Amino acid sequence: MGQETKASVIDWKATYDVVVLGFGGAGATAARFAADNGAKVLIVEVAPYGHEGGNTRYSASFLAPGLIMTS
């Protein structure tokens, strides 16, 4: 028998309205707005603890002013 992993002991029986894959800037925003509107949200992140954030983490949350579109 192989070694048991943490994932094999989690009870995955749940229902969610929104599943967010990745918890960078876009994922965090999507999760927040969905939850604020009453959705039950599941956030899935594969980065190791302390390294979450996707591309937002690596860009130091930099937004280029010339790339922001306004209406």
C-alpha atoms as a PDB file:
ATOM      1  CA  MET A   1       0.000   0.000   0.000  1.00  0.00           C
ATOM      2  CA  GLY A   2       1.147   3.537  -0.775  1.00  0.00           C
ATOM      3  CA  GLN A   3       1.459   6.366   1.680  1.00  0.00           C
ATOM      4  CA  GLU A   4      -1.818   8.125   2.511  1.00  0.00           C
ATOM      5  CA  THR A   5      -2.046  11.768   1.445  1.00  0.00           C
ATOM      6  CA  LYS A   6      -3.965  14.570   3.077  1.00  0.00           C
ATOM      7  CA  ALA A   7      -6.332  14.795   0.099  1.00  0.00           C
ATOM      8  CA  SER A   8      -7.565  11.243   0.651  1.00  0.00           C
ATOM      9  CA  VAL A   9      -9.013  12.130   4.061  1.00  0.00           C
ATOM     10  CA  ILE A  10     -10.890  15.284   3.052  1.00  0.00           C
ATOM     11  CA  ASP A  11     -14.659  14.974   2.787  1.00  0.00           C
ATOM     12  CA  TRP A  12     -15.327  16.449  -0.668  1.00  0.00           C
ATOM     13  CA  LYS A  13     -19.126  16.195  -0.390  1.00  0.00           C
ATOM     14  CA  ALA A  14     -20.173  19.811  -0.723  1.00  0.00           C
ATOM     15  CA  THR A  15     -22.043  22.046  -3.110  1.00  0.00           C
ATOM     16  CA  TYR A  16     -20.692  25.369  -4.324  1.00  0.00           C
ATOM     17  CA  ASP A  17     -22.116  28.062  -6.547  1.00  0.00           C
ATOM     18  CA  VAL A  18     -18.703  29.240  -7.759  1.00  0.00           C
ATOM     19  CA  VAL A  19     -15.336  27.481  -7.967  1.00  0.00           C
ATOM     20  CA  VAL A  20     -12.334  29.794  -8.351  1.00  0.00           C
ATOM     21  CA  LEU A  21      -9.169  28.197  -9.705  1.00  0.00           C
ATOM     22  CA  GLY A  22      -6.160  30.176  -8.518  1.00  0.00           C
ATOM     23  CA  PHE A  23      -6.008  32.847  -5.850  1.00  0.00           C
ATOM     24  CA  GLY A  24      -4.105  35.646  -7.536  1.00  0.00           C
ATOM     25  CA  GLY A  25      -5.556  39.087  -8.064  1.00  0.00           C
ATOM     26  CA  ALA A  26      -8.233  37.933 -10.506  1.00  0.00           C
ATOM     27  CA  GLY A  27      -9.185  34.875  -8.459  1.00  0.00           C
ATOM     28  CA  ALA A  28      -9.392  36.857  -5.235  1.00  0.00           C
ATOM     29  CA  THR A  29     -11.564  39.485  -6.908  1.00  0.00           C
ATOM     30  CA  ALA A  30     -13.873  36.876  -8.434  1.00  0.00           C
ATOM     31  CA  ALA A  31     -14.207  35.041  -5.114  1.00  0.00           C
ATOM     32  CA  ARG A  32     -14.889  38.235  -3.197  1.00  0.00           C
ATOM     33  CA  PHE A  33     -17.575  39.529  -5.572  1.00  0.00           C
ATOM     34  CA  ALA A  34     -19.264  36.127  -5.753  1.00  0.00           C
ATOM     35  CA  ALA A  35     -19.295  35.800  -1.947  1.00  0.00           C
ATOM     36  CA  ASP A  36     -20.512  39.387  -1.523  1.00  0.00           C
ATOM     37  CA  ASN A  37     -23.460  38.458  -3.754  1.00  0.00           C
ATOM     38  CA  GLY A  38     -24.396  35.437  -1.660  1.00  0.00           C
ATOM     39  CA  ALA A  39     -22.590  32.657  -3.540  1.00  0.00           C
ATOM     40  CA  LYS A  40     -20.977  29.767  -1.727  1.00  0.00           C
ATOM     41  CA  VAL A  41     -17.386  29.888  -3.046  1.00  0.00           C
ATOM     42  CA  LEU A  42     -14.627  27.278  -3.192  1.00  0.00           C
ATOM     43  CA  ILE A  43     -11.107  28.564  -3.876  1.00  0.00           C
ATOM     44  CA  VAL A  44      -8.585  26.057  -5.273  1.00  0.00           C
ATOM     45  CA  GLU A  45      -4.897  26.980  -5.193  1.00  0.00           C
ATOM     46  CA  VAL A  46      -2.022  24.622  -6.049  1.00  0.00           C
ATOM     47  CA  ALA A  47       0.862  26.898  -5.101  1.00  0.00           C
ATOM     48  CA  PRO A  48       2.719  25.900  -1.940  1.00  0.00           C
ATOM     49  CA  TYR A  49       1.797  27.727   1.264  1.00  0.00           C
ATOM     50  CA  GLY A  50       3.401  31.150   1.263  1.00  0.00           C
ATOM     51  CA  HIS A  51       3.675  31.280  -2.532  1.00  0.00           C
ATOM     52  CA  GLU A  52       0.028  31.920  -3.399  1.00  0.00           C
ATOM     53  CA  GLY A  53      -0.922  34.781  -5.666  1.00  0.00           C
ATOM     54  CA  GLY A  54      -0.286  33.668  -9.232  1.00  0.00           C
ATOM     55  CA  ASN A  55       1.046  36.301 -11.625  1.00  0.00           C
ATOM     56  CA  THR A  56      -0.038  39.046  -9.242  1.00  0.00           C
ATOM     57  CA  ARG A  57       2.561  37.837  -6.747  1.00  0.00           C
ATOM     58  CA  TYR A  58       5.351  37.888  -9.315  1.00  0.00           C
ATOM     59  CA  SER A  59       4.415  41.307 -10.683  1.00  0.00           C
ATOM     60  CA  ALA A  60       4.375  42.759  -7.144  1.00  0.00           C
ATOM     61  CA  SER A  61       0.771  43.824  -7.837  1.00  0.00           C
ATOM     62  CA  PHE A  62       2.051  46.376 -10.382  1.00  0.00           C
ATOM     63  CA  LEU A  63      -0.546  47.943 -12.661  1.00  0.00           C
ATOM     64  CA  ALA A  64       0.733  49.852 -15.659  1.00  0.00           C
ATOM     65  CA  PRO A  65      -1.297  53.106 -15.845  1.00  0.00           C
ATOM     66  CA  GLY A  66      -1.279  53.072 -19.652  1.00  0.00           C
ATOM     67  CA  LEU A  67      -2.871  49.609 -19.734  1.00  0.00           C
ATOM     68  CA  ILE A  68      -5.866  50.367 -17.538  1.00  0.00           C
ATOM     69  CA  MET A  69      -8.967  50.775 -19.673  1.00  0.00           C
ATOM     70  CA  THR A  70     -11.744  53.111 -18.621  1.00  0.00           C
ATOM     71  CA  SER A  71     -15.187  53.589 -20.043  1.00  0.00           C
END
